[in-house]
Amino acid sequence: MDRRGVVILDFGSQYTQLIARRLRELEVFAEILPYRATLEEVLARKPAGLVLSGGPDSVHRRGSPRPDPRLLESGLPILGICYGMQLLAALHGGRVDAARKREYGFAELKVTGDSPLFTGLGKSLRVWMSHGDGACALGNGFKVVARTPTAPLAAIADETRRLYGVQFHPEVAHTPQGARLLKNFARGICGLSEPWTMKSLLRSSLLELREQIGETGHVVCALSGGVDSSVAAAMIHRAIGKRLHCVFVDTGLLREGDRSRAERFLGKALGLNLKVVDASALFLRRLRGVRDPERKRKIIGRTFIEVFEREARKVKGARFLAQGTLYPDVIESVSVHGPSAVIKSHHNVGGLPKRMRLKLVEPLRLLFKDEVRRLGRELGLPKEILGAHPFPGPGLAIRVLGPVEPRLLELLRRADLILREELLAGGLHDKIWQAFAVLLATRSVGVMGDTRTYDHAIALRCVDSVDGMTADWSRLPHELLRKISSRIVSEVPGINRVVYDVTSKPPATIEWE
């Protein structure tokens, strides 16, 4: 069997995303599935190994999450982390109880057994603990291979069945040698010797695209000019050539220069089949008077698809709709644990009508943002496209808080352009993950010259991140902030106040709406 990576079963840990990221940084493909995934669903991914994530539950609580029991007998190597380790112990005749002492933070781990999991790691490690329960007895062939002063069963192993468990979290930065442990599992125990690189990903993705689309199928691509849709388009274009038909919809909600950049770099430089459709009047008419951000997203999503379907009907043989959906879009829009609160609808996931006649092509669906940029470089996309900051599908509609009006959009465009110009001039644009302006749904009193003003306020949002799942606000130099504020207030009539957002994600989201 062609086993291509590691499947991670998510039991609700705040660190599940990190497990996948650490493995991918080791050039090992990793995919996250909900803990309810069946044996058939897991094996369909052709994994070489399985990781059981941590989680907030207690394995001895009735109704606590359990994996498909057949997975434990599948012969796949398994690594259980925290709750995952406790599951391995409990489901194989051991006992898990509330720990004598809850353990949160650093701990000194002593390796007491000879296990390939700890190859090259020495006998003493600094690790990060975060648990209330702990295994206190083992059964069915498991043995202890490491301990801490408060966790005598800190790592366990059944070498015969290749089942391993660690009570600590190797995926977090606070476990300095954790990446080596994950590498030992993926490379040594699971036998994944072939590196998962952007080059190998591109090669396999092109084959999958050609198989999915066929030799005669045509694809309509929702091209926004941002990183995601541009990389998706370039990949599909490489797979099927002129049978890709890119449609750029001017929604009237774009930033200054977005349309011309797409025409210049994607249409002319890359030679994509590009058609520009001006639907701004339709979008703005349907958004008139709408305040609720979720309603805005739904309206924009439905209108977007409506426009694409109309254009697709003009393309002979069009059977597919391509989108630049990313892994965080999927994760935030679809709850891993069943019915629960969705943070917000993404236009790529939450706005699609059930009646849509086009089949979806989403070649980036399993990638994080930084991986998409690396793939774009592999495809030869220009820096002007790959260096663009993320821009949401609903565009400026969710950066004008409250009802969307043409006059307000113009104020926001001019302020946003000034922010981007100053970041470029200061050499910070490429160091910041995302930067934008938000027009607040409030007005404030000001003084310009000797005249009282009562005008709009702009909030600046600049964040540092890797993939958008978490983010921290960027510490811009005060002098740069002063210059940006001064230019906006001086050059954009109608704005008399500028504020800077210093909230991380979580608790906030990156966008305001």
Protein backbone atom coordinates (compact mmCIF):
# COMPACT_ATOMS: atom_id res chain seq x y z
CA MET A 1 0.00 0.00 0.00
CA ASP A 2 1.24 3.47 -0.88
CA ARG A 3 1.20 5.16 2.54
CA ARG A 4 1.71 8.89 2.18
CA GLY A 5 1.71 10.43 5.65
CA VAL A 6 0.25 10.55 9.14
CA VAL A 7 -3.39 10.96 10.14
CA ILE A 8 -4.12 12.88 13.35
CA LEU A 9 -7.36 12.14 15.17
CA ASP A 10 -8.55 15.29 16.93
CA PHE A 11 -9.93 14.83 20.44
CA GLY A 12 -10.28 18.57 21.04
CA SER A 13 -6.78 19.67 22.04
CA GLN A 14 -5.86 23.31 21.59
CA TYR A 15 -2.58 21.97 20.19
CA THR A 16 -3.96 19.66 17.46
CA GLN A 17 -3.08 22.16 14.72
CA LEU A 18 0.48 22.29 16.04
CA ILE A 19 0.92 18.54 15.68
CA ALA A 20 0.10 18.81 11.98
CA ARG A 21 2.33 21.84 11.51
CA ARG A 22 5.32 20.26 13.26
CA LEU A 23 5.06 17.12 11.14
CA ARG A 24 4.78 19.16 7.95
CA GLU A 25 7.82 21.19 8.98
CA LEU A 26 9.60 17.83 9.16
CA GLU A 27 8.46 17.23 5.54
CA VAL A 28 5.92 14.64 6.65
CA PHE A 29 2.38 15.05 5.33
CA ALA A 30 -0.19 15.19 8.14
CA GLU A 31 -3.97 15.43 7.92
CA ILE A 32 -6.42 16.05 10.76
CA LEU A 33 -9.65 14.04 11.05
CA PRO A 34 -12.28 14.17 13.82
CA TYR A 35 -11.93 11.46 16.45
CA ARG A 36 -15.16 9.85 15.14
CA ALA A 37 -13.47 8.90 11.84
CA THR A 38 -14.00 5.26 10.96
CA LEU A 39 -11.33 2.75 10.06
CA GLU A 40 -12.42 3.01 6.41
CA GLU A 41 -12.18 6.83 6.43
CA VAL A 42 -8.70 6.70 7.94
CA LEU A 43 -7.37 3.99 5.62
CA ALA A 44 -8.72 5.89 2.61
CA ARG A 45 -5.95 8.44 3.34
CA LYS A 46 -3.34 5.66 3.02
CA PRO A 47 -1.55 6.64 6.25
CA ALA A 48 1.70 5.20 7.49
CA GLY A 49 0.81 6.03 11.08
CA LEU A 50 -1.79 7.51 13.39
CA VAL A 51 -1.59 10.17 16.10
CA LEU A 52 -4.22 10.49 18.83
CA SER A 53 -4.27 14.12 19.98
CA GLY A 54 -4.76 15.50 23.45
CA GLY A 55 -8.13 16.73 24.63
CA PRO A 56 -9.95 18.34 27.55
CA ASP A 57 -12.00 15.27 28.54
CA SER A 58 -11.32 12.46 31.03
CA VAL A 59 -11.09 8.92 29.66
CA HIS A 60 -12.83 7.54 32.78
CA ARG A 61 -15.89 9.77 32.26
CA ARG A 62 -18.85 7.94 30.75
CA GLY A 63 -19.40 9.19 27.22
CA SER A 64 -15.88 10.58 26.76
CA PRO A 65 -14.66 10.47 23.13
CA ARG A 66 -13.27 7.19 21.82
CA PRO A 67 -11.74 6.23 18.47
CA ASP A 68 -13.06 3.47 16.24
CA PRO A 69 -11.77 0.40 18.18
CA ARG A 70 -10.76 -1.28 14.91
CA LEU A 71 -8.07 1.38 14.48
CA LEU A 72 -6.20 0.03 17.47
CA GLU A 73 -6.07 -3.40 15.81
CA SER A 74 -5.28 -2.09 12.33
CA GLY A 75 -1.54 -2.67 12.58
CA LEU A 76 -0.81 1.04 12.06
CA PRO A 77 1.83 2.54 14.37
CA ILE A 78 0.05 4.82 16.85
CA LEU A 79 1.34 7.71 18.96
CA GLY A 80 -0.99 8.93 21.70
CA ILE A 81 -0.35 12.41 23.12
CA CYS A 82 -1.72 13.35 26.57
CA TYR A 83 -5.41 12.30 26.36
CA GLY A 84 -4.36 10.09 23.45
CA MET A 85 -1.88 8.27 25.65
CA GLN A 86 -4.47 7.88 28.39
CA LEU A 87 -6.80 6.30 25.81
CA LEU A 88 -4.13 3.78 24.81
CA ALA A 89 -3.61 2.82 28.44
CA ALA A 90 -7.31 2.62 29.32
CA LEU A 91 -8.34 0.72 26.19
CA HIS A 92 -5.63 -1.91 26.74
CA GLY A 93 -6.43 -2.94 30.29
CA GLY A 94 -4.67 -0.12 32.13
CA ARG A 95 -6.06 2.43 34.57
CA VAL A 96 -6.29 6.22 34.32
CA ASP A 97 -7.18 8.37 37.31
CA ALA A 98 -7.02 11.98 38.33
CA ALA A 99 -3.33 12.69 38.85
CA ARG A 100 -2.01 13.05 42.40
CA LYS A 101 -0.84 16.48 41.36
CA ARG A 102 -2.01 18.37 38.30
CA GLU A 103 0.91 19.14 36.05
CA TYR A 104 1.00 22.33 33.97
CA GLY A 105 4.24 23.73 32.64
CA PHE A 106 7.81 22.51 32.38
CA ALA A 107 8.89 19.13 33.71
CA GLU A 108 12.11 17.15 33.67
CA LEU A 109 11.63 13.86 31.87
CA LYS A 110 13.88 10.86 32.61
CA VAL A 111 14.06 8.27 29.85
CA THR A 112 14.12 4.88 31.59
CA GLY A 113 13.60 2.47 28.71
CA ASP A 114 15.13 1.73 25.35
CA SER A 115 12.57 2.85 22.75
CA PRO A 116 13.00 4.09 19.14
CA LEU A 117 10.70 6.95 20.11
CA PHE A 118 13.59 8.51 22.07
CA THR A 119 16.44 7.72 19.67
CA GLY A 120 19.10 10.44 19.83
CA LEU A 121 17.34 12.37 22.61
CA GLY A 122 19.48 11.48 25.60
CA LYS A 123 18.29 10.38 29.01
CA SER A 124 16.98 13.70 30.33
CA LEU A 125 14.60 16.04 28.49
CA ARG A 126 12.76 19.22 29.28
CA VAL A 127 9.10 18.79 28.32
CA TRP A 128 5.81 20.67 28.57
CA MET A 129 2.98 19.14 30.57
CA SER A 130 -0.69 20.13 30.58
CA HIS A 131 -2.88 17.49 32.21
CA GLY A 132 -5.06 16.68 35.18
CA ASP A 133 -5.43 12.92 34.63
CA GLY A 134 -2.65 10.39 34.26
CA ALA A 135 -2.12 6.70 33.63
CA CYS A 136 -1.41 4.87 36.88
CA ALA A 137 -1.38 1.23 35.74
CA LEU A 138 -0.61 -0.54 32.47
CA GLY A 139 -1.77 -3.74 30.83
CA ASN A 140 -1.57 -5.79 27.65
CA GLY A 141 2.12 -5.56 26.91
CA PHE A 142 2.81 -1.87 27.59
CA LYS A 143 5.90 -0.83 29.48
CA VAL A 144 7.08 2.48 30.95
CA VAL A 145 9.87 4.14 28.97
CA ALA A 146 10.01 7.60 30.64
CA ARG A 147 8.85 9.31 33.82
CA THR A 148 8.77 12.69 35.59
CA PRO A 149 8.71 13.32 39.35
CA THR A 150 4.90 13.69 39.27
CA ALA A 151 4.09 11.37 36.33
CA PRO A 152 5.67 7.92 36.85
CA LEU A 153 4.10 6.81 33.54
CA ALA A 154 5.10 9.80 31.41
CA ALA A 155 5.81 7.71 28.28
CA ILE A 156 4.71 4.17 27.47
CA ALA A 157 5.39 1.75 24.63
CA ASP A 158 4.28 -1.59 23.24
CA GLU A 159 7.07 -2.18 20.74
CA THR A 160 5.53 -5.36 19.34
CA ARG A 161 2.35 -3.60 18.21
CA ARG A 162 4.12 -0.27 17.66
CA LEU A 163 1.85 1.58 20.09
CA TYR A 164 3.35 4.57 21.92
CA GLY A 165 2.08 7.20 24.31
CA VAL A 166 3.52 10.35 25.86
CA GLN A 167 1.86 12.36 28.61
CA PHE A 168 3.67 15.56 27.59
CA HIS A 169 3.22 17.66 24.44
CA PRO A 170 6.07 17.19 21.94
CA GLU A 171 4.35 19.51 19.43
CA VAL A 172 4.76 22.74 21.44
CA ALA A 173 7.86 24.95 21.35
CA HIS A 174 8.21 24.53 25.13
CA THR A 175 9.33 20.93 24.50
CA PRO A 176 12.64 21.83 22.79
CA GLN A 177 13.36 18.33 21.45
CA GLY A 178 9.76 17.51 20.66
CA ALA A 179 10.26 17.80 16.91
CA ARG A 180 12.95 15.09 17.08
CA LEU A 181 10.54 12.79 18.91
CA LEU A 182 7.86 13.35 16.23
CA LYS A 183 10.49 12.71 13.57
CA ASN A 184 11.45 9.45 15.29
CA PHE A 185 7.83 8.37 15.15
CA ALA A 186 7.15 9.42 11.56
CA ARG A 187 10.49 8.51 9.97
CA GLY A 188 11.80 5.70 12.15
CA ILE A 189 8.70 3.92 13.40
CA CYS A 190 6.26 4.65 10.54
CA GLY A 191 8.96 4.35 7.89
CA LEU A 192 8.16 7.55 6.01
CA SER A 193 11.48 8.03 4.24
CA GLU A 194 10.18 10.00 1.23
CA PRO A 195 10.08 13.73 2.13
CA TRP A 196 6.83 15.61 1.57
CA THR A 197 7.94 18.79 -0.21
CA MET A 198 6.22 21.40 -2.32
CA LYS A 199 7.81 19.81 -5.37
CA SER A 200 6.43 16.37 -4.53
CA LEU A 201 3.07 17.90 -3.57
CA LEU A 202 2.88 19.71 -6.91
CA ARG A 203 3.71 16.53 -8.80
CA SER A 204 1.02 14.47 -7.07
CA SER A 205 -1.55 17.30 -7.16
CA LEU A 206 -1.19 17.71 -10.93
CA LEU A 207 -1.88 14.01 -11.40
CA GLU A 208 -4.95 14.22 -9.12
CA LEU A 209 -6.26 17.30 -10.93
CA ARG A 210 -5.94 15.66 -14.34
CA GLU A 211 -7.71 12.58 -13.04
CA GLN A 212 -10.52 14.61 -11.43
CA ILE A 213 -11.10 16.95 -14.38
CA GLY A 214 -10.51 14.43 -17.15
CA GLU A 215 -9.20 14.99 -20.64
CA THR A 216 -12.12 17.12 -21.87
CA GLY A 217 -13.45 18.88 -18.76
CA HIS A 218 -13.33 22.67 -18.46
CA VAL A 219 -12.89 24.56 -15.18
CA VAL A 220 -14.16 27.99 -14.21
CA CYS A 221 -11.87 29.52 -11.58
CA ALA A 222 -13.01 32.09 -9.04
CA LEU A 223 -9.96 34.33 -9.35
CA SER A 224 -9.67 37.16 -6.82
CA GLY A 225 -6.04 38.07 -7.46
CA GLY A 226 -5.04 37.07 -3.93
CA VAL A 227 -2.47 34.45 -3.04
CA ASP A 228 -4.87 31.53 -2.61
CA SER A 229 -6.91 31.76 -5.80
CA SER A 230 -3.83 32.76 -7.83
CA VAL A 231 -1.85 29.70 -6.71
CA ALA A 232 -4.87 27.46 -7.28
CA ALA A 233 -5.31 28.91 -10.79
CA ALA A 234 -1.63 28.55 -11.66
CA MET A 235 -1.68 24.91 -10.52
CA ILE A 236 -4.80 24.04 -12.49
CA HIS A 237 -3.47 25.90 -15.52
CA ARG A 238 -0.34 23.79 -15.37
CA ALA A 239 -2.50 20.66 -15.23
CA ILE A 240 -5.02 21.39 -18.01
CA GLY A 241 -3.85 24.55 -19.83
CA LYS A 242 -6.42 26.62 -21.70
CA ARG A 243 -9.31 24.49 -20.42
CA LEU A 244 -9.10 26.67 -17.31
CA HIS A 245 -11.28 29.78 -17.58
CA CYS A 246 -10.51 32.38 -14.90
CA VAL A 247 -13.20 34.89 -14.02
CA PHE A 248 -12.31 37.96 -11.99
CA VAL A 249 -15.42 39.53 -10.49
CA ASP A 250 -15.18 43.21 -9.64
CA THR A 251 -17.59 43.27 -6.70
CA GLY A 252 -17.12 46.95 -6.00
CA LEU A 253 -15.63 45.80 -2.67
CA LEU A 254 -11.98 45.62 -3.77
CA ARG A 255 -8.96 47.56 -2.56
CA GLU A 256 -7.27 50.18 -4.68
CA GLY A 257 -5.24 48.44 -7.42
CA ASP A 258 -6.58 44.89 -6.93
CA ARG A 259 -8.22 44.65 -10.34
CA SER A 260 -5.32 46.13 -12.32
CA ARG A 261 -2.81 43.90 -10.50
CA ALA A 262 -4.78 40.78 -11.41
CA GLU A 263 -5.03 41.83 -15.06
CA ARG A 264 -1.34 42.69 -15.26
CA PHE A 265 0.28 39.76 -13.45
CA LEU A 266 -2.20 36.94 -13.94
CA GLY A 267 -3.77 37.67 -17.26
CA LYS A 268 -0.74 39.00 -19.14
CA ALA A 269 2.35 37.70 -17.32
CA LEU A 270 1.13 34.15 -16.59
CA GLY A 271 -1.04 33.85 -19.67
CA LEU A 272 -4.14 32.73 -17.82
CA ASN A 273 -7.48 32.70 -19.63
CA LEU A 274 -8.85 35.72 -17.73
CA LYS A 275 -12.20 37.46 -18.06
CA VAL A 276 -13.07 40.48 -15.89
CA VAL A 277 -16.74 40.89 -14.97
CA ASP A 278 -17.91 44.15 -13.41
CA ALA A 279 -20.76 43.19 -11.07
CA SER A 280 -20.22 46.01 -8.57
CA ALA A 281 -23.68 47.52 -9.06
CA LEU A 282 -25.34 44.16 -8.29
CA PHE A 283 -23.32 43.55 -5.11
CA LEU A 284 -23.78 47.06 -3.75
CA ARG A 285 -27.50 47.02 -4.46
CA ARG A 286 -27.99 43.75 -2.56
CA LEU A 287 -25.88 44.98 0.36
CA ARG A 288 -27.74 48.28 0.72
CA GLY A 289 -28.80 48.82 4.33
CA VAL A 290 -27.39 45.48 5.59
CA ARG A 291 -25.64 45.81 8.96
CA ASP A 292 -25.17 42.24 10.19
CA PRO A 293 -21.75 40.85 9.11
CA GLU A 294 -23.01 37.30 8.71
CA ARG A 295 -25.80 38.49 6.40
CA LYS A 296 -23.20 40.41 4.40
CA ARG A 297 -21.12 37.26 3.97
CA LYS A 298 -24.10 35.15 2.92
CA ILE A 299 -25.32 37.76 0.44
CA ILE A 300 -21.85 38.13 -1.07
CA GLY A 301 -21.32 34.36 -1.19
CA ARG A 302 -24.63 33.72 -2.95
CA THR A 303 -24.12 36.61 -5.39
CA PHE A 304 -20.58 35.44 -6.10
CA ILE A 305 -21.75 31.97 -7.05
CA GLU A 306 -24.66 33.38 -9.06
CA VAL A 307 -22.27 35.48 -11.15
CA PHE A 308 -19.93 32.53 -11.66
CA GLU A 309 -22.72 30.21 -12.71
CA ARG A 310 -23.89 32.79 -15.22
CA GLU A 311 -20.37 33.08 -16.64
CA ALA A 312 -19.85 29.32 -16.54
CA ARG A 313 -22.89 28.79 -18.75
CA LYS A 314 -21.03 30.73 -21.42
CA VAL A 315 -18.10 28.28 -21.30
CA LYS A 316 -18.67 25.19 -23.38
CA GLY A 317 -17.95 22.03 -21.41
CA ALA A 318 -17.59 23.78 -18.02
CA ARG A 319 -18.24 21.22 -15.30
CA PHE A 320 -16.04 22.42 -12.44
CA LEU A 321 -15.64 25.46 -10.21
CA ALA A 322 -12.14 26.04 -8.77
CA GLN A 323 -11.64 27.75 -5.44
CA GLY A 324 -8.64 28.66 -3.30
CA THR A 325 -10.06 27.10 -0.13
CA LEU A 326 -7.40 26.55 2.56
CA TYR A 327 -7.23 24.24 5.57
CA PRO A 328 -8.04 27.00 8.12
CA ASP A 329 -11.19 27.83 6.09
CA VAL A 330 -12.33 24.24 6.41
CA ILE A 331 -11.42 23.92 10.08
CA GLU A 332 -13.11 27.16 11.19
CA SER A 333 -16.24 26.55 9.15
CA VAL A 334 -16.80 22.88 10.03
CA SER A 335 -16.85 21.87 13.68
CA VAL A 336 -14.65 18.87 14.46
CA HIS A 337 -16.89 17.73 17.31
CA GLY A 338 -20.32 18.05 15.68
CA PRO A 339 -22.85 20.84 16.30
CA SER A 340 -21.11 23.80 17.88
CA ALA A 341 -20.59 27.51 17.36
CA VAL A 342 -19.02 28.40 14.02
CA ILE A 343 -16.73 31.44 14.27
CA LYS A 344 -17.86 32.86 10.93
CA SER A 345 -18.84 31.62 7.50
CA HIS A 346 -16.06 31.63 4.93
CA HIS A 347 -17.17 32.50 1.42
CA ASN A 348 -15.33 29.44 0.13
CA VAL A 349 -17.16 27.06 2.46
CA GLY A 350 -20.31 28.49 3.99
CA GLY A 351 -21.87 30.36 1.07
CA LEU A 352 -22.28 27.60 -1.52
CA PRO A 353 -25.85 26.77 -2.55
CA LYS A 354 -26.94 23.12 -2.53
CA ARG A 355 -28.31 23.45 -6.06
CA MET A 356 -24.93 24.46 -7.54
CA ARG A 357 -24.45 22.48 -10.76
CA LEU A 358 -20.65 22.81 -10.90
CA LYS A 359 -18.41 20.34 -9.08
CA LEU A 360 -15.76 21.85 -6.82
CA VAL A 361 -12.04 21.71 -7.48
CA GLU A 362 -10.07 22.78 -4.39
CA PRO A 363 -6.38 21.89 -4.85
CA LEU A 364 -5.26 23.84 -1.74
CA ARG A 365 -7.86 22.47 0.67
CA LEU A 366 -5.29 20.71 2.86
CA LEU A 367 -2.69 23.49 2.98
CA PHE A 368 -1.93 26.30 5.40
CA LYS A 369 -1.25 29.83 4.14
CA ASP A 370 2.53 29.69 4.41
CA GLU A 371 2.55 26.38 2.53
CA VAL A 372 0.48 27.95 -0.26
CA ARG A 373 3.09 30.70 -0.66
CA ARG A 374 5.86 28.10 -0.88
CA LEU A 375 3.86 26.22 -3.49
CA GLY A 376 3.38 29.48 -5.40
CA ARG A 377 7.13 29.99 -5.51
CA GLU A 378 7.48 26.45 -6.87
CA LEU A 379 5.00 27.42 -9.60
CA GLY A 380 6.94 30.60 -10.42
CA LEU A 381 4.32 33.17 -9.41
CA PRO A 382 5.61 36.76 -9.13
CA LYS A 383 6.36 38.38 -5.77
CA GLU A 384 3.65 40.97 -6.38
CA ILE A 385 1.08 38.16 -6.07
CA LEU A 386 2.74 35.97 -3.43
CA GLY A 387 3.63 38.94 -1.24
CA ALA A 388 0.06 40.22 -1.10
CA HIS A 389 -1.51 40.22 2.35
CA PRO A 390 -4.57 37.99 2.86
CA PHE A 391 -7.79 39.62 1.71
CA PRO A 392 -11.18 38.18 2.67
CA GLY A 393 -13.63 37.02 0.03
CA PRO A 394 -16.32 39.48 1.19
CA GLY A 395 -13.75 42.24 0.64
CA LEU A 396 -14.21 45.71 2.09
CA ALA A 397 -17.85 44.93 2.94
CA ILE A 398 -16.69 43.48 6.25
CA ARG A 399 -14.21 46.28 6.84
CA VAL A 400 -16.89 48.94 6.62
CA LEU A 401 -18.65 48.27 9.90
CA GLY A 402 -22.37 48.72 9.43
CA PRO A 403 -24.14 49.40 6.12
CA VAL A 404 -21.96 49.50 3.00
CA GLU A 405 -22.14 52.69 0.95
CA PRO A 406 -20.00 53.78 -2.05
CA ARG A 407 -18.86 56.93 -0.23
CA LEU A 408 -17.70 54.94 2.81
CA LEU A 409 -15.92 52.41 0.63
CA GLU A 410 -13.96 55.22 -1.00
CA LEU A 411 -12.87 56.60 2.39
CA LEU A 412 -11.70 53.15 3.42
CA ARG A 413 -9.85 52.52 0.15
CA ARG A 414 -7.86 55.73 0.47
CA ALA A 415 -6.95 55.09 4.12
CA ASP A 416 -6.02 51.47 3.40
CA LEU A 417 -3.77 52.51 0.49
CA ILE A 418 -1.90 54.98 2.72
CA LEU A 419 -1.30 52.23 5.28
CA ARG A 420 0.10 49.89 2.65
CA GLU A 421 2.25 52.62 1.06
CA GLU A 422 3.87 53.51 4.38
CA LEU A 423 4.51 49.88 5.32
CA LEU A 424 6.23 49.37 1.96
CA ALA A 425 8.26 52.55 2.34
CA GLY A 426 9.30 51.50 5.84
CA GLY A 427 10.35 48.00 4.73
CA LEU A 428 7.75 46.32 6.95
CA HIS A 429 5.12 45.20 4.45
CA ASP A 430 6.66 41.77 3.85
CA LYS A 431 7.38 41.26 7.57
CA ILE A 432 3.76 41.68 8.61
CA TRP A 433 1.34 38.82 7.90
CA GLN A 434 -1.71 41.03 7.35
CA ALA A 435 -2.36 44.76 7.52
CA PHE A 436 -5.53 46.67 6.74
CA ALA A 437 -7.79 49.52 7.74
CA VAL A 438 -11.33 49.29 9.14
CA LEU A 439 -13.92 52.06 8.92
CA LEU A 440 -15.67 52.15 12.27
CA ALA A 441 -19.43 52.51 12.62
CA THR A 442 -19.00 55.62 14.71
CA ARG A 443 -18.12 59.28 14.29
CA SER A 444 -16.18 61.45 16.65
CA VAL A 445 -15.59 65.11 17.36
CA GLY A 446 -12.35 66.65 16.16
CA VAL A 447 -10.72 70.00 15.45
CA MET A 448 -9.07 70.88 12.14
CA GLY A 449 -7.65 74.36 12.06
CA ASP A 450 -10.18 76.43 13.93
CA THR A 451 -13.13 74.34 12.79
CA ARG A 452 -15.01 71.66 14.73
CA THR A 453 -15.42 68.39 12.82
CA TYR A 454 -17.67 65.40 13.37
CA ASP A 455 -16.25 62.72 11.12
CA HIS A 456 -15.42 59.04 10.79
CA ALA A 457 -12.78 57.00 12.64
CA ILE A 458 -10.39 54.48 11.12
CA ALA A 459 -8.90 51.50 12.97
CA LEU A 460 -5.60 50.05 11.76
CA ARG A 461 -5.11 46.29 12.14
CA CYS A 462 -1.62 44.80 11.65
CA VAL A 463 -0.92 41.25 12.82
CA ASP A 464 1.92 38.73 12.87
CA SER A 465 0.98 35.12 12.17
CA VAL A 466 2.04 31.97 10.36
CA ASP A 467 -1.26 30.56 9.12
CA GLY A 468 -4.01 32.81 10.48
CA MET A 469 -5.17 30.29 13.07
CA THR A 470 -3.60 32.46 15.79
CA ALA A 471 -2.17 35.96 15.51
CA ASP A 472 -0.58 38.70 17.59
CA TRP A 473 -0.70 42.43 16.92
CA SER A 474 2.35 43.88 15.22
CA ARG A 475 4.55 46.25 17.23
CA LEU A 476 4.91 49.03 14.67
CA PRO A 477 7.35 51.86 15.43
CA HIS A 478 5.56 54.81 17.01
CA GLU A 479 7.00 57.19 14.47
CA LEU A 480 5.56 55.10 11.63
CA LEU A 481 2.14 55.01 13.29
CA ARG A 482 2.30 58.78 13.71
CA LYS A 483 3.10 59.24 10.03
CA ILE A 484 0.31 56.91 8.87
CA SER A 485 -2.20 58.63 11.14
CA SER A 486 -1.13 62.08 10.02
CA ARG A 487 -1.40 61.19 6.34
CA ILE A 488 -4.84 59.60 6.68
CA VAL A 489 -6.32 62.53 8.59
CA SER A 490 -4.69 65.06 6.25
CA GLU A 491 -5.35 63.34 2.92
CA VAL A 492 -8.73 61.67 3.41
CA PRO A 493 -11.48 64.25 3.99
CA GLY A 494 -14.14 62.72 6.22
CA ILE A 495 -11.75 60.97 8.62
CA ASN A 496 -10.58 62.78 11.74
CA ARG A 497 -9.43 59.96 14.05
CA VAL A 498 -7.11 56.92 13.71
CA VAL A 499 -6.79 54.15 16.31
CA TYR A 500 -4.55 51.05 16.42
CA ASP A 501 -5.91 47.59 17.30
CA VAL A 502 -3.76 45.83 19.92
CA THR A 503 -5.83 42.64 20.34
CA SER A 504 -4.49 39.16 19.57
CA LYS A 505 -6.34 36.18 18.06
CA PRO A 506 -7.75 34.72 20.22
CA PRO A 507 -9.68 36.34 21.87
CA ALA A 508 -10.43 38.47 18.78
CA THR A 509 -10.54 37.34 15.16
CA ILE A 510 -8.19 39.02 12.68
CA GLU A 511 -11.03 40.69 10.77
CA TRP A 512 -13.46 42.87 12.71
CA GLU A 513 -16.52 41.33 11.07
